[in-house]
């Protein structure tokens, strides 16, 4: 007979008898018993359990201990009916998922289950269950009605929850809808302002724009001057000191002469930016060309065999994978590299760092090239259309608040300009660093296609400048930063020198075409140094990426407003430049 505080819990596929700290359950007429190891009853119970798991012959043996029936087959059938009846009745006693029982209900339920056990349980089971050894308790399965537990909210850091894909989709939808509204508002307000032939007409209708094309052709003079200087140095016709003077003079004239022509003739600012940008690239390439050849001469003078290794891409799959296959292995040693084809290949290649042996692919992929060309044409048209339709009206309508110094209106116009300006900047990045440079690399079979890295994940300003323009970063690291560190300068001083040079060229590319010197670009670039220090020391890393994005989204419109305001004050009147808001 079971004690009063015992009970039977019935689940979908098993019946549990809770006995002290042990669990006795029956499933398909099998019993699983687990009692205290020090109990004498445990041994007797284990023998009963083992007997019941045996075949029908072993059931006859268990009947002798129980002495409940004289007929073996009748006893077996009777036991089957009894245990089936227990299953049926135990489900009506207590439902663990729906019942919420207090102490009185437990007592009533235990009484019913005790009667069931007395009426249907074999005598040998009821006899050993009356031993004092068995102290009844509820199992954990009986507490399934409890619904509360220790848990953190999903937005808490301690919860460990990271699946916010639905919220990301929501942000993308809101972004698309909000910008679609702005674009529709612009169309309704200004109409269609896009003119595909405007830039071509601007170039053809102004003869003053042609000096920019002439300046591009004249750039070959400076390239050939560097080439012949290298030839004389390799043969020992001129000394290293004289070669340094010639190089310094040539590179100085390379930067000064186009700026002087533009300031004197006043050509179109847009084409002037392209011209000065080309001269800047030539300047950086010639510095690298002179440095590498100087290293080769130093090795030769030290009577060491020149074994300059081939450049390889640092991407995961390598330049050979990106450039579709195997690389050519035609090795060139110094001074065999001093020829026109090698020089102009370097001038046209999408890199600023010279090498005697570049990674090369064996063929041009026509399908890949066609995709990139179509991207170039489409994205360039899109950029020009967005500038005509979105940027120019916004900037013009901002002149009156800027002149009158209406702070609230200026901030509103700044935020209104930030979104389209950032879109254009992102499109320009893809157009130039992915489409255009890949077209040039494919035509030249240039293997190293790592023109950018994951700058969008940058957590510091330094990381951004190292990854968004890889060719410039490699040049600055190879020819400016590392040489200064080797000479004993600190890393901070070397970094300041790199940003100073970058600030100079930014101001050079903006102030000269606009023919005004306000040093806004110079100050903005040089201000990256203290911003990087502040961000590293005081801003947590998890907020660093937000700071980088804010500097890109807000910083560029501020610079545009500053230069356009000054340009407007110098070249236009308020009545002519302002339209209805």
Protein backbone atom coordinates (compact mmCIF):
# COMPACT_ATOMS: atom_id res chain seq x y z
CA UNK A 1 0.00 0.00 0.00
CA UNK A 2 1.29 3.46 -0.94
CA UNK A 3 1.55 6.28 1.62
CA UNK A 4 -0.98 9.06 1.40
CA UNK A 5 1.44 11.65 0.05
CA UNK A 6 2.38 9.55 -2.96
CA UNK A 7 0.81 9.96 -6.33
CA UNK A 8 0.86 8.76 -9.90
CA UNK A 9 1.71 11.19 -12.71
CA UNK A 10 0.59 10.19 -16.14
CA UNK A 11 2.16 11.67 -19.31
CA UNK A 12 1.61 10.85 -22.97
CA UNK A 13 3.62 7.66 -23.07
CA UNK A 14 4.56 6.69 -19.53
CA UNK A 15 3.21 6.44 -15.96
CA UNK A 16 5.48 7.62 -13.13
CA UNK A 17 5.37 6.41 -9.56
CA UNK A 18 7.18 8.96 -7.39
CA UNK A 19 8.74 7.15 -4.46
CA UNK A 20 11.09 9.13 -2.19
CA UNK A 21 14.12 10.22 -4.22
CA UNK A 22 13.55 7.44 -6.74
CA UNK A 23 11.43 7.05 -9.82
CA UNK A 24 9.49 3.95 -10.68
CA UNK A 25 7.87 4.03 -14.07
CA UNK A 26 6.18 1.53 -16.30
CA UNK A 27 6.23 1.68 -20.08
CA UNK A 28 5.05 -1.24 -22.16
CA UNK A 29 5.07 -3.37 -19.00
CA UNK A 30 8.67 -2.54 -18.18
CA UNK A 31 9.82 -1.17 -14.86
CA UNK A 32 12.80 1.01 -14.17
CA UNK A 33 13.81 1.10 -10.52
CA UNK A 34 16.35 3.21 -8.75
CA UNK A 35 16.52 3.11 -4.94
CA UNK A 36 19.10 4.07 -2.33
CA UNK A 37 22.23 1.94 -2.61
CA UNK A 38 22.39 1.26 1.11
CA UNK A 39 18.81 0.00 1.33
CA UNK A 40 18.06 -3.66 1.68
CA UNK A 41 14.80 -3.05 -0.14
CA UNK A 42 16.78 -1.89 -3.20
CA UNK A 43 18.24 -5.34 -3.69
CA UNK A 44 14.85 -7.01 -3.40
CA UNK A 45 13.27 -4.44 -5.74
CA UNK A 46 16.00 -4.82 -8.37
CA UNK A 47 15.37 -8.55 -8.47
CA UNK A 48 11.68 -7.92 -9.02
CA UNK A 49 12.44 -5.44 -11.79
CA UNK A 50 14.80 -7.83 -13.51
CA UNK A 51 12.27 -10.64 -13.25
CA UNK A 52 9.54 -8.59 -14.83
CA UNK A 53 11.74 -7.71 -17.86
CA UNK A 54 12.29 -11.29 -18.74
CA UNK A 55 10.30 -13.56 -21.03
CA UNK A 56 7.07 -15.33 -20.23
CA UNK A 57 9.04 -18.16 -18.58
CA UNK A 58 10.58 -15.67 -16.15
CA UNK A 59 7.11 -14.29 -15.37
CA UNK A 60 6.24 -17.68 -13.95
CA UNK A 61 9.19 -17.36 -11.59
CA UNK A 62 8.06 -13.90 -10.40
CA UNK A 63 4.58 -15.33 -9.64
CA UNK A 64 6.07 -17.55 -6.95
CA UNK A 65 7.25 -14.48 -5.02
CA UNK A 66 3.99 -12.68 -5.40
CA UNK A 67 1.67 -15.70 -5.01
CA UNK A 68 -1.18 -13.75 -6.58
CA UNK A 69 -2.39 -16.39 -9.09
CA UNK A 70 -2.14 -20.11 -9.73
CA UNK A 71 -2.54 -19.87 -13.47
CA UNK A 72 0.37 -18.33 -15.39
CA UNK A 73 -1.53 -17.28 -18.46
CA UNK A 74 -4.46 -15.94 -16.45
CA UNK A 75 -2.06 -13.96 -14.28
CA UNK A 76 -0.38 -12.42 -17.32
CA UNK A 77 -3.68 -11.38 -18.89
CA UNK A 78 -4.90 -10.01 -15.57
CA UNK A 79 -1.76 -7.89 -15.17
CA UNK A 80 -2.16 -6.48 -18.66
CA UNK A 81 -5.73 -5.41 -17.95
CA UNK A 82 -4.78 -3.90 -14.61
CA UNK A 83 -1.96 -1.77 -15.96
CA UNK A 84 -4.05 -0.63 -18.89
CA UNK A 85 -6.70 0.41 -16.40
CA UNK A 86 -4.06 2.36 -14.43
CA UNK A 87 -3.12 4.28 -17.56
CA UNK A 88 -6.74 5.16 -18.26
CA UNK A 89 -7.59 6.27 -14.73
CA UNK A 90 -4.36 8.10 -13.93
CA UNK A 91 -4.98 10.57 -16.78
CA UNK A 92 -8.27 11.60 -15.13
CA UNK A 93 -6.62 12.06 -11.74
CA UNK A 94 -4.27 14.91 -12.62
CA UNK A 95 -3.34 16.67 -15.84
CA UNK A 96 0.15 18.17 -15.36
CA UNK A 97 -0.32 20.83 -18.03
CA UNK A 98 -3.74 22.16 -16.95
CA UNK A 99 -4.15 21.47 -13.22
CA UNK A 100 -3.02 23.91 -10.57
CA UNK A 101 -3.41 22.03 -7.27
CA UNK A 102 -3.00 23.32 -3.76
CA UNK A 103 -2.33 21.17 -0.68
CA UNK A 104 -5.95 20.02 -0.34
CA UNK A 105 -6.09 18.94 -3.97
CA UNK A 106 -2.81 17.05 -3.58
CA UNK A 107 -4.19 15.14 -0.59
CA UNK A 108 -7.36 14.21 -2.45
CA UNK A 109 -5.45 13.16 -5.51
CA UNK A 110 -3.02 11.07 -3.53
CA UNK A 111 -5.92 9.26 -1.85
CA UNK A 112 -7.41 8.35 -5.21
CA UNK A 113 -4.10 7.16 -6.57
CA UNK A 114 -3.51 5.11 -3.42
CA UNK A 115 -6.82 3.30 -3.97
CA UNK A 116 -5.84 2.66 -7.56
CA UNK A 117 -2.57 1.18 -6.45
CA UNK A 118 -4.26 -1.02 -3.82
CA UNK A 119 -6.86 -2.31 -6.27
CA UNK A 120 -4.69 -2.89 -9.31
CA UNK A 121 -1.06 -3.09 -8.18
CA UNK A 122 0.39 -6.55 -7.56
CA UNK A 123 0.73 -7.45 -3.92
CA UNK A 124 4.51 -7.78 -4.05
CA UNK A 125 4.84 -4.18 -5.27
CA UNK A 126 2.43 -2.83 -2.66
CA UNK A 127 4.24 -4.74 0.08
CA UNK A 128 7.69 -3.33 -0.49
CA UNK A 129 6.29 0.18 -1.08
CA UNK A 130 4.99 0.23 2.50
CA UNK A 131 8.52 0.10 3.86
CA UNK A 132 9.59 3.18 5.95
CA UNK A 133 12.50 3.60 3.54
CA UNK A 134 10.25 5.25 0.96
CA UNK A 135 9.67 8.97 1.55
CA UNK A 136 7.43 10.44 -1.14
CA UNK A 137 8.13 13.69 -3.00
CA UNK A 138 6.96 15.35 -6.20
CA UNK A 139 9.07 15.14 -9.33
CA UNK A 140 10.09 18.10 -11.48
CA UNK A 141 7.67 16.98 -14.15
CA UNK A 142 4.81 17.86 -11.81
CA UNK A 143 5.90 21.55 -11.76
CA UNK A 144 5.25 22.16 -15.43
CA UNK A 145 2.54 24.64 -14.51
CA UNK A 146 5.25 27.12 -13.38
CA UNK A 147 5.86 29.72 -16.12
CA UNK A 148 8.33 32.15 -14.53
CA UNK A 149 12.12 31.86 -14.53
CA UNK A 150 15.18 34.10 -14.38
CA UNK A 151 15.51 35.78 -17.81
CA UNK A 152 16.83 39.06 -19.25
CA UNK A 153 15.03 41.22 -21.78
CA UNK A 154 16.15 40.64 -25.35
CA UNK A 155 17.49 44.17 -25.77
CA UNK A 156 19.71 43.75 -22.69
CA UNK A 157 23.35 42.97 -23.34
CA UNK A 158 23.24 40.13 -20.80
CA UNK A 159 20.61 38.25 -22.80
CA UNK A 160 23.09 37.36 -25.54
CA UNK A 161 20.43 37.90 -28.23
CA UNK A 162 21.89 39.12 -31.54
CA UNK A 163 19.31 38.35 -34.23
CA UNK A 164 18.03 41.80 -35.24
CA UNK A 165 17.50 40.98 -38.90
CA UNK A 166 13.87 42.08 -38.80
CA UNK A 167 14.81 45.49 -37.41
CA UNK A 168 17.47 45.83 -40.11
CA UNK A 169 14.86 45.13 -42.76
CA UNK A 170 12.63 47.76 -41.17
CA UNK A 171 15.43 50.33 -41.30
CA UNK A 172 16.06 49.56 -44.97
CA UNK A 173 12.38 49.95 -45.79
CA UNK A 174 12.18 53.27 -43.93
CA UNK A 175 15.36 54.44 -45.66
CA UNK A 176 14.00 53.65 -49.11
CA UNK A 177 10.61 55.21 -48.41
CA UNK A 178 12.00 58.39 -46.87
CA UNK A 179 14.46 58.99 -49.70
CA UNK A 180 11.85 58.15 -52.29
CA UNK A 181 9.71 60.88 -50.76
CA UNK A 182 12.59 63.35 -50.95
CA UNK A 183 13.26 62.50 -54.56
CA UNK A 184 9.58 62.82 -55.46
CA UNK A 185 9.43 66.15 -53.64
CA UNK A 186 12.42 67.37 -55.63
CA UNK A 187 10.81 66.36 -58.93
CA UNK A 188 7.53 68.08 -58.02
CA UNK A 189 9.29 71.25 -56.89
CA UNK A 190 11.92 71.72 -59.61
CA UNK A 191 10.79 69.47 -62.43
CA UNK A 192 13.26 67.46 -64.51
CA UNK A 193 16.59 69.30 -64.48
CA UNK A 194 18.72 66.49 -65.90
CA UNK A 195 20.40 67.34 -69.20
CA UNK A 196 22.67 64.55 -70.49
CA UNK A 197 24.40 66.84 -73.02
CA UNK A 198 25.06 69.71 -70.63
CA UNK A 199 28.59 68.64 -69.73
CA UNK A 200 29.54 67.99 -73.34
CA UNK A 201 28.16 71.37 -74.39
CA UNK A 202 30.01 73.02 -71.55
CA UNK A 203 33.29 71.54 -72.74
CA UNK A 204 32.79 72.36 -76.42
CA UNK A 205 31.30 75.82 -75.96
CA UNK A 206 34.16 77.18 -73.83
CA UNK A 207 37.52 77.38 -75.59
CA UNK A 208 39.10 78.09 -72.22
CA UNK A 209 38.51 74.46 -71.31
CA UNK A 210 40.94 73.22 -73.94
CA UNK A 211 44.08 74.27 -72.02
CA UNK A 212 43.29 71.44 -69.62
CA UNK A 213 43.64 68.95 -72.45
CA UNK A 214 46.89 70.61 -73.50
CA UNK A 215 48.17 70.36 -69.94
CA UNK A 216 47.45 66.62 -69.95
CA UNK A 217 49.57 66.21 -73.07
CA UNK A 218 52.39 68.34 -71.64
CA UNK A 219 52.60 66.02 -68.62
CA UNK A 220 54.64 63.62 -70.79
CA UNK A 221 57.52 66.10 -70.64
CA UNK A 222 57.89 65.59 -66.90
CA UNK A 223 57.54 61.81 -67.26
CA UNK A 224 60.29 61.62 -69.87
CA UNK A 225 62.52 63.93 -67.82
CA UNK A 226 62.39 61.43 -64.97
CA UNK A 227 63.03 58.56 -67.34
CA UNK A 228 66.19 60.08 -68.83
CA UNK A 229 67.40 61.04 -65.38
CA UNK A 230 67.15 57.39 -64.36
CA UNK A 231 69.01 56.28 -67.48
CA UNK A 232 71.87 58.69 -66.72
CA UNK A 233 72.00 57.56 -63.11
CA UNK A 234 72.10 53.87 -64.06
CA UNK A 235 75.08 54.48 -66.38
CA UNK A 236 76.88 56.70 -63.92
CA UNK A 237 76.78 59.76 -66.19
CA UNK A 238 75.49 61.94 -63.35
CA UNK A 239 75.96 61.55 -59.61
CA UNK A 240 73.29 60.75 -57.07
CA UNK A 241 73.37 64.29 -55.68
CA UNK A 242 72.88 65.84 -59.11
CA UNK A 243 70.13 63.34 -59.84
CA UNK A 244 68.38 64.37 -56.61
CA UNK A 245 68.51 68.03 -57.67
CA UNK A 246 67.13 67.20 -61.11
CA UNK A 247 64.32 65.12 -59.62
CA UNK A 248 63.41 67.81 -57.09
CA UNK A 249 63.26 70.46 -59.80
CA UNK A 250 61.24 68.26 -62.14
CA UNK A 251 58.67 67.29 -59.49
CA UNK A 252 58.31 70.88 -58.29
CA UNK A 253 57.61 72.11 -61.81
CA UNK A 254 55.19 69.22 -62.24
CA UNK A 255 52.97 70.63 -59.48
CA UNK A 256 53.51 74.35 -60.03
CA UNK A 257 53.18 74.68 -63.81
CA UNK A 258 49.59 73.39 -64.25
CA UNK A 259 48.41 75.40 -61.24
CA UNK A 260 49.95 78.56 -62.69
CA UNK A 261 48.30 77.99 -66.08
CA UNK A 262 44.88 77.39 -64.49
CA UNK A 263 45.15 80.46 -62.28
CA UNK A 264 46.15 82.59 -65.26
CA UNK A 265 43.66 81.34 -67.90
CA UNK A 266 40.67 80.63 -65.59
CA UNK A 267 39.36 77.48 -67.28
CA UNK A 268 36.30 75.53 -66.17
CA UNK A 269 36.74 74.39 -62.53
CA UNK A 270 35.41 70.88 -63.18
CA UNK A 271 37.93 70.08 -65.92
CA UNK A 272 40.67 71.78 -63.91
CA UNK A 273 40.05 69.32 -61.06
CA UNK A 274 40.56 66.41 -63.48
CA UNK A 275 43.79 67.95 -64.81
CA UNK A 276 45.28 68.63 -61.40
CA UNK A 277 44.23 65.18 -60.20
CA UNK A 278 46.12 63.60 -63.10
CA UNK A 279 49.22 65.66 -62.32
CA UNK A 280 49.00 64.61 -58.68
CA UNK A 281 48.95 60.93 -59.65
CA UNK A 282 51.95 61.44 -61.93
CA UNK A 283 53.81 63.15 -59.09
CA UNK A 284 53.22 60.23 -56.72
CA UNK A 285 54.13 57.66 -59.37
CA UNK A 286 57.41 59.40 -60.27
CA UNK A 287 58.41 59.57 -56.60
CA UNK A 288 57.93 55.81 -56.34
CA UNK A 289 59.70 55.25 -59.67
CA UNK A 290 62.75 57.18 -58.48
CA UNK A 291 62.82 55.49 -55.06
CA UNK A 292 62.68 51.91 -56.34
CA UNK A 293 65.36 52.49 -58.96
CA UNK A 294 67.55 54.10 -56.31
CA UNK A 295 67.19 50.99 -54.12
CA UNK A 296 68.23 48.85 -57.08
CA UNK A 297 71.32 50.99 -57.70
CA UNK A 298 72.28 50.73 -54.03
CA UNK A 299 72.06 46.95 -54.20
CA UNK A 300 74.16 46.88 -57.35
CA UNK A 301 76.77 49.19 -55.82
CA UNK A 302 77.05 46.85 -52.86
CA UNK A 303 77.76 44.03 -55.34
CA UNK A 304 74.69 42.09 -54.36
CA UNK A 305 72.70 40.18 -56.90
CA UNK A 306 69.34 41.82 -57.44
CA UNK A 307 66.50 39.52 -56.52
CA UNK A 308 63.49 41.72 -56.16
CA UNK A 309 60.54 39.45 -55.57
CA UNK A 310 57.36 39.63 -57.58
CA UNK A 311 54.49 41.65 -56.13
CA UNK A 312 51.53 39.61 -55.01
CA UNK A 313 48.05 40.62 -54.01
CA UNK A 314 47.26 40.46 -50.33
CA UNK A 315 43.67 39.45 -50.89
CA UNK A 316 42.49 36.07 -49.65
CA UNK A 317 42.32 34.40 -53.03
CA UNK A 318 45.20 36.34 -54.52
CA UNK A 319 45.47 38.36 -57.64
CA UNK A 320 45.72 35.23 -59.77
CA UNK A 321 42.21 34.17 -58.73
CA UNK A 322 40.73 37.61 -59.30
CA UNK A 323 42.60 38.04 -62.55
CA UNK A 324 41.37 34.68 -63.78
CA UNK A 325 44.18 32.24 -63.72
CA UNK A 326 47.89 31.96 -63.94
CA UNK A 327 50.41 34.75 -63.83
CA UNK A 328 53.21 35.35 -66.27
CA UNK A 329 56.73 34.79 -64.97
CA UNK A 330 58.80 37.06 -67.20
CA UNK A 331 61.35 38.42 -64.74
CA UNK A 332 62.96 41.82 -65.24
CA UNK A 333 66.11 42.93 -63.45
CA UNK A 334 67.65 46.36 -63.09
CA UNK A 335 68.61 48.18 -65.36
CA UNK A 336 66.63 46.20 -67.97
CA UNK A 337 63.46 47.83 -66.64
CA UNK A 338 64.52 51.26 -67.92
CA UNK A 339 62.53 51.37 -71.16
CA UNK A 340 59.48 53.22 -72.49
CA UNK A 341 57.08 50.29 -72.31
CA UNK A 342 57.87 49.58 -68.66
CA UNK A 343 57.57 53.27 -67.71
CA UNK A 344 54.26 53.92 -69.46
CA UNK A 345 52.81 50.63 -68.28
CA UNK A 346 53.44 51.86 -64.75
CA UNK A 347 51.96 55.27 -65.58
CA UNK A 348 48.76 53.61 -66.81
CA UNK A 349 48.57 50.84 -64.19
CA UNK A 350 46.08 51.28 -61.31
CA UNK A 351 48.82 51.57 -58.69
CA UNK A 352 51.07 54.26 -57.24
CA UNK A 353 53.90 51.95 -56.11
CA UNK A 354 56.46 50.94 -58.71
CA UNK A 355 57.83 47.41 -59.03
CA UNK A 356 60.13 45.83 -61.55
CA UNK A 357 57.75 42.86 -61.88
CA UNK A 358 54.01 43.30 -61.46
CA UNK A 359 51.59 40.36 -61.16
CA UNK A 360 50.09 39.76 -64.60
CA UNK A 361 47.21 37.65 -65.87
CA UNK A 362 47.37 35.70 -69.12
CA UNK A 363 44.22 36.96 -70.81
CA UNK A 364 41.54 39.63 -70.76
CA UNK A 365 38.13 38.47 -69.58
CA UNK A 366 35.71 40.01 -72.05
CA UNK A 367 32.55 39.37 -70.05
CA UNK A 368 34.05 40.83 -66.88
CA UNK A 369 35.34 43.81 -68.83
CA UNK A 370 31.94 44.45 -70.43
CA UNK A 371 30.18 44.44 -67.04
CA UNK A 372 32.61 46.98 -65.61
CA UNK A 373 32.34 49.22 -68.69
CA UNK A 374 28.53 49.24 -68.45
CA UNK A 375 28.82 50.09 -64.77
CA UNK A 376 31.12 52.98 -65.60
CA UNK A 377 28.73 54.43 -68.17
CA UNK A 378 25.60 54.01 -66.06
CA UNK A 379 27.06 55.23 -62.76
CA UNK A 380 28.77 58.25 -64.32
CA UNK A 381 25.47 59.30 -65.90
CA UNK A 382 23.71 58.72 -62.57
CA UNK A 383 26.22 60.89 -60.72
CA UNK A 384 25.86 63.76 -63.18
CA UNK A 385 22.08 63.47 -63.10
CA UNK A 386 21.95 63.55 -59.28
CA UNK A 387 24.22 66.58 -59.21
CA UNK A 388 22.00 68.45 -61.66
CA UNK A 389 18.71 67.39 -60.10
CA UNK A 390 19.52 67.31 -56.39
CA UNK A 391 22.77 69.03 -55.41
CA UNK A 392 22.73 72.23 -57.45
CA UNK A 393 19.20 73.37 -56.44
CA UNK A 394 19.87 72.61 -52.77
CA UNK A 395 23.14 74.51 -52.72
CA UNK A 396 21.67 77.49 -54.57
CA UNK A 397 18.76 77.71 -52.15
CA UNK A 398 21.24 77.68 -49.29
CA UNK A 399 23.04 80.86 -50.31
CA UNK A 400 20.55 83.30 -48.85
CA UNK A 401 20.59 81.73 -45.34
CA UNK A 402 24.39 81.57 -45.52
CA UNK A 403 24.73 85.22 -46.47
CA UNK A 404 22.25 86.33 -43.83
CA UNK A 405 23.75 83.94 -41.26
CA UNK A 406 20.43 82.33 -40.35
CA UNK A 407 21.76 79.51 -38.21
CA UNK A 408 18.58 77.44 -38.12
CA UNK A 409 18.07 77.59 -41.87
CA UNK A 410 21.73 76.82 -42.49
CA UNK A 411 21.54 73.67 -40.35
CA UNK A 412 18.34 72.62 -42.13
CA UNK A 413 20.00 73.08 -45.53
CA UNK A 414 23.08 71.27 -44.32
CA UNK A 415 21.07 68.21 -43.31
CA UNK A 416 19.09 68.40 -46.55
CA UNK A 417 22.32 68.35 -48.55
CA UNK A 418 23.94 65.60 -46.48
CA UNK A 419 21.85 62.70 -47.81
CA UNK A 420 22.18 63.30 -51.59
CA UNK A 421 25.82 64.26 -51.20
CA UNK A 422 26.54 61.03 -49.35
CA UNK A 423 24.70 58.99 -51.97
CA UNK A 424 26.81 60.57 -54.70
CA UNK A 425 29.98 59.95 -52.70
CA UNK A 426 29.12 56.25 -52.29
CA UNK A 427 28.29 55.91 -55.98
CA UNK A 428 31.53 57.67 -56.90
CA UNK A 429 33.49 55.28 -54.68
CA UNK A 430 32.04 52.25 -56.46
CA UNK A 431 32.39 53.88 -59.88
CA UNK A 432 36.06 54.76 -59.43
CA UNK A 433 37.56 52.13 -57.12
CA UNK A 434 35.63 49.13 -58.41
CA UNK A 435 34.43 49.76 -61.95
CA UNK A 436 37.01 52.15 -63.41
CA UNK A 437 40.13 50.71 -61.81
CA UNK A 438 39.04 47.16 -62.68
CA UNK A 439 38.56 48.19 -66.31
CA UNK A 440 42.08 49.62 -66.43
CA UNK A 441 43.50 46.58 -64.64
CA UNK A 442 41.71 44.17 -66.97
CA UNK A 443 42.93 45.94 -70.10
CA UNK A 444 46.51 45.96 -68.79
CA UNK A 445 46.18 42.44 -67.32
CA UNK A 446 47.26 43.89 -63.99
CA UNK A 447 46.85 41.20 -61.35
CA UNK A 448 46.55 43.05 -58.04
CA UNK A 449 42.93 44.21 -57.76
CA UNK A 450 42.87 45.14 -54.07
CA UNK A 451 41.94 48.79 -54.51
CA UNK A 452 39.93 49.02 -51.29
CA UNK A 453 39.21 47.08 -48.12
CA UNK A 454 36.27 46.98 -45.71
CA UNK A 455 36.45 50.66 -44.78
CA UNK A 456 32.71 50.62 -43.98
CA UNK A 457 33.53 48.60 -40.84
CA UNK A 458 36.17 51.08 -39.68
CA UNK A 459 36.07 51.75 -35.94
CA UNK A 460 38.72 54.49 -36.05
CA UNK A 461 39.63 57.30 -38.41
CA UNK A 462 43.04 55.74 -39.00
CA UNK A 463 41.47 52.45 -40.02
CA UNK A 464 39.21 54.27 -42.48
CA UNK A 465 42.06 56.11 -44.22
CA UNK A 466 44.05 52.87 -44.41
CA UNK A 467 41.27 50.90 -46.09
CA UNK A 468 39.14 53.11 -48.29
CA UNK A 469 41.97 54.07 -50.71
CA UNK A 470 44.50 51.24 -50.67
CA UNK A 471 46.81 52.53 -53.48
CA UNK A 472 47.34 55.86 -51.71
CA UNK A 473 47.77 54.16 -48.34
CA UNK A 474 50.42 51.81 -49.74
CA UNK A 475 52.30 54.73 -51.29
CA UNK A 476 52.20 56.77 -48.06
CA UNK A 477 53.30 53.81 -45.97
CA UNK A 478 56.10 52.77 -48.33
CA UNK A 479 57.58 56.12 -49.32
CA UNK A 480 56.79 58.44 -46.41
CA UNK A 481 55.70 56.79 -43.16
CA UNK A 482 58.21 53.92 -42.95
CA UNK A 483 61.22 55.97 -44.13
CA UNK A 484 60.50 58.56 -41.43
CA UNK A 485 60.21 55.86 -38.76
CA UNK A 486 63.50 54.30 -39.89
CA UNK A 487 65.15 57.71 -39.59
CA UNK A 488 64.18 57.88 -35.93
CA UNK A 489 60.93 59.85 -36.02
CA UNK A 490 58.08 58.71 -33.81
CA UNK A 491 54.98 57.08 -35.25
CA UNK A 492 52.92 60.12 -34.30
CA UNK A 493 55.24 62.47 -36.18
CA UNK A 494 55.22 60.16 -39.20
CA UNK A 495 51.40 60.05 -39.14
CA UNK A 496 51.23 63.84 -38.93
CA UNK A 497 53.52 64.07 -41.96
CA UNK A 498 51.25 61.73 -43.93
CA UNK A 499 48.12 63.72 -43.08
CA UNK A 500 49.94 66.98 -43.81
CA UNK A 501 50.81 65.81 -47.33
CA UNK A 502 47.24 64.58 -47.83
CA UNK A 503 45.87 67.92 -46.60
CA UNK A 504 48.11 69.78 -49.04
CA UNK A 505 46.87 67.81 -52.05
CA UNK A 506 43.23 68.14 -50.99
CA UNK A 507 43.60 71.91 -50.83
CA UNK A 508 45.59 71.86 -54.09
CA UNK A 509 42.76 70.05 -55.89
CA UNK A 510 40.05 72.42 -54.60
CA UNK A 511 41.52 75.90 -54.18
CA UNK A 512 43.37 76.12 -57.50
CA UNK A 513 40.38 75.21 -59.74
CA UNK A 514 38.11 77.56 -57.72
CA UNK A 515 40.90 80.18 -57.73
CA UNK A 516 40.51 81.02 -54.06
CA UNK A 517 42.48 79.92 -51.01
CA UNK A 518 40.41 79.37 -47.88
CA UNK A 519 42.27 76.28 -46.54
CA UNK A 520 39.01 74.59 -45.54
CA UNK A 521 40.07 71.27 -47.06
CA UNK A 522 43.56 71.58 -45.59
CA UNK A 523 42.16 72.22 -42.11
CA UNK A 524 39.65 69.37 -42.41
CA UNK A 525 42.31 66.83 -43.38
CA UNK A 526 44.83 67.98 -40.79
CA UNK A 527 42.04 67.85 -38.20
CA UNK A 528 41.90 64.07 -38.69
CA UNK A 529 44.98 63.72 -36.47
CA UNK A 530 43.42 65.12 -33.25
CA UNK A 531 40.14 63.39 -34.11
CA UNK A 532 41.97 60.06 -34.33
CA UNK A 533 43.69 60.67 -30.98
CA UNK A 534 40.42 61.64 -29.26
CA UNK A 535 38.61 58.69 -30.74
CA UNK A 536 41.31 56.25 -29.68
CA UNK A 537 41.52 57.48 -26.09
CA UNK A 538 38.03 58.61 -25.13
CA UNK A 539 35.47 57.01 -27.45
CA UNK A 540 34.64 53.30 -26.90
CA UNK A 541 35.36 51.07 -29.84
CA UNK A 542 31.70 50.10 -30.29
CA UNK A 543 30.86 53.76 -31.03
CA UNK A 544 33.89 54.33 -33.25
CA UNK A 545 32.13 53.26 -36.45
CA UNK A 546 29.31 55.72 -35.72
CA UNK A 547 31.84 58.56 -35.38
CA UNK A 548 33.43 57.62 -38.71
CA UNK A 549 30.09 57.61 -40.52
CA UNK A 550 29.03 60.92 -38.96
CA UNK A 551 32.28 62.55 -40.05
CA UNK A 552 31.66 61.37 -43.61
CA UNK A 553 27.98 62.27 -43.78
CA UNK A 554 28.18 65.68 -42.09
CA UNK A 555 31.78 66.74 -42.78
CA UNK A 556 31.57 66.78 -46.57
CA UNK A 557 28.44 68.98 -46.81
CA UNK A 558 30.04 71.47 -44.42
CA UNK A 559 33.07 71.72 -46.71
CA UNK A 560 30.83 72.10 -49.77
CA UNK A 561 28.87 74.90 -48.12
CA UNK A 562 32.04 76.67 -47.02
CA UNK A 563 33.63 76.67 -50.48
CA UNK A 564 30.43 77.41 -52.35
CA UNK A 565 29.65 80.31 -50.04
CA UNK A 566 33.06 81.85 -50.63
CA UNK A 567 32.83 81.18 -54.36
CA UNK A 568 29.39 82.76 -54.44
CA UNK A 569 30.55 85.85 -52.58
CA UNK A 570 33.42 86.29 -55.05
CA UNK A 571 31.63 85.58 -58.34
CA UNK A 572 27.90 86.17 -57.98
CA UNK A 573 25.28 88.36 -56.38
CA UNK A 574 22.52 87.25 -54.08
CA UNK A 575 19.75 88.10 -56.50
CA UNK A 576 21.16 86.05 -59.33
CA UNK A 577 22.17 83.00 -57.32
CA UNK A 578 19.11 82.62 -55.12
CA UNK A 579 15.92 80.94 -56.22
CA UNK A 580 12.64 80.50 -54.42
CA UNK A 581 12.82 78.13 -51.47
